[in-house]
């Protein structure tokens, strides 16, 4: 299959997911503690099932890794990685800054990614060797002269396990400002030049795979906290940076041990 064919299918997957999600957004419903039958879970499942049906019909040899259901063809070299609603809390709160994430990986490396915001009608598309686009127009990260000029973003302090939160705080202290919340939407805004750095810990593959081609195709870089490229074997501690010239500064800040010592 050509890259153009894969991108065309990814667009159709995003269309199908959005059509499944929109009826549930800002609908009146009770959020249950178990959440098994809450509309947000229904929306997740409906969107993922719609995408899976298209992939299974058109790419039966490919694998599928999704948040809601079991993996399909786990041994396949090509894997579609799906997160139907990344940003569940925003979805429940009626904030249109969640997204559908769609990635295609080859031998564990992300080749293609989409962040789709089905309420705002915004779609970022990144593919290996191509410039990232948002609604068909080129997206570009911005330059950042120094960390003290940088806007840093992350989803929330509760998502930093162990000492990782201390490391994040050291970095935040060196940046101009920190914005909280946003999930995948932060990476889209970084690709479009509105945010300089996103740092998170403990992401799953379905949270990160689609982001890599989008950020890198816009001129940024994504890696783990050691600076290594992100693959299906990564630990989920990620850095996205709009200006790669600042990457060493970020890695150095995150490596600071402060008053404690890691064992």
Protein backbone atom coordinates (compact mmCIF):
# COMPACT_ATOMS: atom_id res chain seq x y z
CA UNK A 1 0.00 0.00 0.00
CA UNK A 2 1.23 3.49 -0.81
CA UNK A 3 1.60 6.16 1.84
CA UNK A 4 -1.18 8.12 0.10
CA UNK A 5 -3.52 5.10 0.46
CA UNK A 6 -2.69 4.82 4.15
CA UNK A 7 -3.28 8.54 4.73
CA UNK A 8 -6.61 8.36 2.87
CA UNK A 9 -7.72 5.45 5.05
CA UNK A 10 -6.59 7.27 8.21
CA UNK A 11 -8.78 10.24 7.20
CA UNK A 12 -11.75 7.92 6.81
CA UNK A 13 -11.04 6.38 10.21
CA UNK A 14 -11.08 9.86 11.76
CA UNK A 15 -14.33 10.71 9.97
CA UNK A 16 -15.95 7.51 11.26
CA UNK A 17 -14.75 8.10 14.83
CA UNK A 18 -15.97 11.68 14.83
CA UNK A 19 -19.42 10.66 13.60
CA UNK A 20 -19.64 8.15 16.48
CA UNK A 21 -18.43 10.63 19.13
CA UNK A 22 -20.34 13.82 18.33
CA UNK A 23 -23.83 12.66 19.49
CA UNK A 24 -22.43 12.02 22.99
CA UNK A 25 -20.61 15.34 23.42
CA UNK A 26 -22.30 17.62 26.00
CA UNK A 27 -25.21 15.20 26.13
CA UNK A 28 -27.09 14.99 29.41
CA UNK A 29 -26.05 11.89 31.28
CA UNK A 30 -25.05 10.60 34.68
CA UNK A 31 -21.40 9.70 35.10
CA UNK A 32 -21.26 6.45 37.00
CA UNK A 33 -18.32 5.48 39.18
CA UNK A 34 -18.00 2.18 37.37
CA UNK A 35 -18.45 4.05 34.07
CA UNK A 36 -19.08 0.77 32.26
CA UNK A 37 -22.26 2.05 30.67
CA UNK A 38 -21.65 5.80 30.83
CA UNK A 39 -21.92 7.64 27.52
CA UNK A 40 -18.24 8.53 27.49
CA UNK A 41 -17.44 4.80 27.50
CA UNK A 42 -20.14 4.22 24.91
CA UNK A 43 -18.61 6.97 22.78
CA UNK A 44 -15.12 5.44 23.14
CA UNK A 45 -16.35 2.00 22.16
CA UNK A 46 -18.53 3.19 19.28
CA UNK A 47 -15.67 5.23 17.82
CA UNK A 48 -13.13 2.43 18.15
CA UNK A 49 -15.51 -0.17 16.70
CA UNK A 50 -16.19 2.07 13.70
CA UNK A 51 -12.46 2.42 13.04
CA UNK A 52 -11.75 -1.28 13.57
CA UNK A 53 -14.47 -2.26 11.10
CA UNK A 54 -12.86 -0.13 8.37
CA UNK A 55 -9.37 -1.49 9.03
CA UNK A 56 -10.54 -5.10 9.14
CA UNK A 57 -12.40 -4.62 5.84
CA UNK A 58 -9.62 -2.80 3.98
CA UNK A 59 -6.37 -3.96 5.64
CA UNK A 60 -7.14 -7.47 6.97
CA UNK A 61 -3.43 -8.33 7.19
CA UNK A 62 -2.61 -5.36 9.45
CA UNK A 63 -2.69 -5.44 13.23
CA UNK A 64 -4.83 -3.23 15.45
CA UNK A 65 -3.89 -1.99 18.92
CA UNK A 66 -6.71 -0.05 20.58
CA UNK A 67 -7.54 1.24 24.02
CA UNK A 68 -10.94 -0.44 24.36
CA UNK A 69 -10.60 -3.92 22.81
CA UNK A 70 -8.10 -6.73 22.39
CA UNK A 71 -5.30 -6.55 19.86
CA UNK A 72 -5.83 -8.00 16.37
CA UNK A 73 -2.97 -9.67 14.42
CA UNK A 74 -0.40 -8.82 17.11
CA UNK A 75 2.42 -10.32 15.05
CA UNK A 76 1.84 -8.12 11.99
CA UNK A 77 4.64 -5.73 11.01
CA UNK A 78 2.09 -2.97 10.35
CA UNK A 79 -0.05 -1.97 13.33
CA UNK A 80 -2.84 0.61 13.51
CA UNK A 81 -2.84 2.17 16.97
CA UNK A 82 -6.14 3.77 18.05
CA UNK A 83 -7.23 5.97 20.95
CA UNK A 84 -10.85 6.94 20.25
CA UNK A 85 -11.05 9.64 22.96
CA UNK A 86 -7.76 10.91 24.34
CA UNK A 87 -8.78 13.37 27.04
CA UNK A 88 -11.77 11.69 28.69
CA UNK A 89 -11.97 14.29 31.48
CA UNK A 90 -12.19 17.11 28.96
CA UNK A 91 -14.84 15.20 27.03
CA UNK A 92 -16.95 14.70 30.18
CA UNK A 93 -16.53 18.37 31.11
CA UNK A 94 -17.71 19.48 27.67
CA UNK A 95 -14.32 20.95 26.73
CA UNK A 96 -13.49 20.40 23.04
CA UNK A 97 -9.78 19.77 23.63
CA UNK A 98 -9.89 15.97 23.56
CA UNK A 99 -8.93 14.14 20.39
CA UNK A 100 -9.09 10.92 18.43
CA UNK A 101 -5.60 9.50 17.89
CA UNK A 102 -4.84 7.27 14.91
CA UNK A 103 -1.35 5.97 14.18
CA UNK A 104 0.20 3.51 11.76
CA UNK A 105 3.37 1.81 12.97
CA UNK A 106 5.80 -0.31 10.97
CA UNK A 107 8.00 -2.70 12.97
CA UNK A 108 7.33 -0.65 16.10
CA UNK A 109 8.09 2.79 14.60
CA UNK A 110 5.36 5.42 14.08
CA UNK A 111 5.00 6.28 10.36
CA UNK A 112 1.71 8.17 10.26
CA UNK A 113 -0.40 10.00 12.81
CA UNK A 114 -3.67 11.91 13.05
CA UNK A 115 -5.00 14.06 15.89
CA UNK A 116 -8.66 14.77 15.15
CA UNK A 117 -10.79 17.16 17.19
CA UNK A 118 -14.29 16.26 15.97
CA UNK A 119 -16.12 19.17 17.65
CA UNK A 120 -13.86 22.02 16.49
CA UNK A 121 -13.36 20.34 13.13
CA UNK A 122 -9.56 20.44 13.41
CA UNK A 123 -7.35 17.68 12.09
CA UNK A 124 -3.58 17.43 12.24
CA UNK A 125 -1.94 14.88 9.93
CA UNK A 126 1.71 13.85 10.10
CA UNK A 127 3.48 11.31 7.91
CA UNK A 128 7.09 10.25 7.56
CA UNK A 129 8.89 12.49 5.06
CA UNK A 130 6.02 14.98 4.77
CA UNK A 131 5.20 18.34 6.29
CA UNK A 132 2.50 18.11 8.96
CA UNK A 133 -0.81 19.74 8.03
CA UNK A 134 -3.74 21.09 9.98
CA UNK A 135 -6.92 21.04 7.89
CA UNK A 136 -4.74 20.75 4.80
CA UNK A 137 -2.47 23.74 5.53
CA UNK A 138 1.17 23.34 6.61
CA UNK A 139 1.81 23.38 10.36
CA UNK A 140 5.12 24.55 11.82
CA UNK A 141 6.57 24.70 15.31
CA UNK A 142 8.14 27.94 16.50
CA UNK A 143 11.69 28.73 17.53
CA UNK A 144 12.48 29.31 21.20
CA UNK A 145 15.61 31.26 22.14
CA UNK A 146 15.78 30.11 25.74
CA UNK A 147 13.86 27.99 28.24
CA UNK A 148 12.85 31.15 30.11
CA UNK A 149 10.83 32.10 27.02
CA UNK A 150 9.13 28.71 26.73
CA UNK A 151 5.51 27.77 27.35
CA UNK A 152 5.43 24.29 28.87
CA UNK A 153 2.31 22.10 28.89
CA UNK A 154 1.23 18.87 30.56
CA UNK A 155 -2.07 17.20 31.32
CA UNK A 156 -1.91 17.24 35.12
CA UNK A 157 0.32 16.86 38.17
CA UNK A 158 -1.46 13.64 39.15
CA UNK A 159 0.05 11.86 36.14
CA UNK A 160 3.67 12.02 37.34
CA UNK A 161 4.44 8.87 39.36
CA UNK A 162 7.17 8.71 41.97
CA UNK A 163 9.88 11.33 41.64
CA UNK A 164 8.97 12.28 38.06
CA UNK A 165 6.81 15.14 39.37
CA UNK A 166 9.84 16.65 41.11
CA UNK A 167 11.79 16.53 37.87
CA UNK A 168 8.91 18.18 36.03
CA UNK A 169 8.78 20.94 38.68
CA UNK A 170 12.46 21.71 38.15
CA UNK A 171 11.83 22.10 34.41
CA UNK A 172 8.70 24.19 35.01
CA UNK A 173 10.71 26.53 37.22
CA UNK A 174 12.99 27.30 34.28
CA UNK A 175 10.14 27.99 31.81
CA UNK A 176 8.17 31.17 31.27
CA UNK A 177 4.79 29.59 31.96
CA UNK A 178 3.09 26.22 32.45
CA UNK A 179 -0.38 25.33 31.17
CA UNK A 180 -2.30 22.35 32.59
CA UNK A 181 -4.81 20.07 30.89
CA UNK A 182 -5.05 19.36 27.21
CA UNK A 183 -3.93 15.77 26.61
CA UNK A 184 -3.19 15.24 22.89
CA UNK A 185 -4.38 18.76 22.02
CA UNK A 186 -1.19 20.16 23.55
CA UNK A 187 0.92 18.34 20.98
CA UNK A 188 -1.28 19.64 18.16
CA UNK A 189 -0.84 23.20 19.47
CA UNK A 190 2.92 22.62 19.72
CA UNK A 191 2.96 21.46 16.08
CA UNK A 192 1.13 24.69 15.14
CA UNK A 193 3.57 26.91 17.04
CA UNK A 194 1.52 27.93 20.10
CA UNK A 195 3.24 25.80 22.80
CA UNK A 196 7.00 25.16 23.05
CA UNK A 197 7.36 22.01 25.19
CA UNK A 198 5.10 19.16 26.32
CA UNK A 199 6.39 16.73 28.95
CA UNK A 200 4.48 13.73 30.29
CA UNK A 201 5.11 10.48 32.15
CA UNK A 202 3.62 7.03 31.88
CA UNK A 203 1.84 7.34 28.54
CA UNK A 204 0.61 4.19 26.82
CA UNK A 205 1.43 3.39 23.20
CA UNK A 206 -2.06 4.50 22.07
CA UNK A 207 -1.43 7.87 23.79
CA UNK A 208 1.85 8.64 22.02
CA UNK A 209 2.22 6.81 18.68
CA UNK A 210 0.18 9.27 16.60
CA UNK A 211 1.91 12.30 18.09
CA UNK A 212 5.42 11.53 16.84
CA UNK A 213 4.92 12.02 13.06
CA UNK A 214 2.81 15.14 13.71
CA UNK A 215 5.36 16.90 15.93
CA UNK A 216 8.37 15.86 13.84
CA UNK A 217 6.73 16.70 10.51
CA UNK A 218 6.13 20.23 11.84
CA UNK A 219 9.82 20.72 12.65
CA UNK A 220 9.81 19.57 16.28
CA UNK A 221 11.21 16.52 18.01
CA UNK A 222 9.76 13.80 20.21
CA UNK A 223 11.77 11.47 22.40
CA UNK A 224 11.84 9.88 25.82
CA UNK A 225 13.36 11.63 28.85
CA UNK A 226 16.81 10.25 27.89
CA UNK A 227 16.56 11.63 24.35
CA UNK A 228 15.91 8.24 22.73
CA UNK A 229 13.36 7.95 19.87
CA UNK A 230 9.86 6.75 20.75
CA UNK A 231 8.88 3.23 19.66
CA UNK A 232 6.51 0.52 20.84
CA UNK A 233 9.16 -0.35 23.47
CA UNK A 234 9.33 3.13 25.06
CA UNK A 235 8.54 3.61 28.77
CA UNK A 236 5.93 6.32 28.12
CA UNK A 237 7.93 9.22 29.59
CA UNK A 238 7.90 11.67 26.68
CA UNK A 239 9.23 15.04 25.62
CA UNK A 240 7.81 16.98 22.68
CA UNK A 241 9.67 20.13 21.75
CA UNK A 242 9.00 22.69 19.06
CA UNK A 243 12.59 23.93 18.78
CA UNK A 244 15.03 20.98 18.84
CA UNK A 245 17.82 23.39 19.84
CA UNK A 246 16.33 23.48 23.35
CA UNK A 247 16.09 19.69 23.74
CA UNK A 248 19.34 19.25 25.65
CA UNK A 249 18.23 21.95 28.13
CA UNK A 250 14.97 20.08 28.76
CA UNK A 251 16.67 16.68 29.18
CA UNK A 252 19.17 18.25 31.59
CA UNK A 253 16.39 19.85 33.68
CA UNK A 254 14.45 16.58 33.85
CA UNK A 255 17.60 14.72 34.92
CA UNK A 256 18.18 17.02 37.91
CA UNK A 257 17.83 15.05 41.11
CA UNK A 258 17.18 17.99 43.41
CA UNK A 259 17.57 16.88 47.02
CA UNK A 260 17.00 13.17 46.55
CA UNK A 261 19.04 10.46 44.85
CA UNK A 262 17.63 7.78 42.59
CA UNK A 263 18.67 4.21 43.24
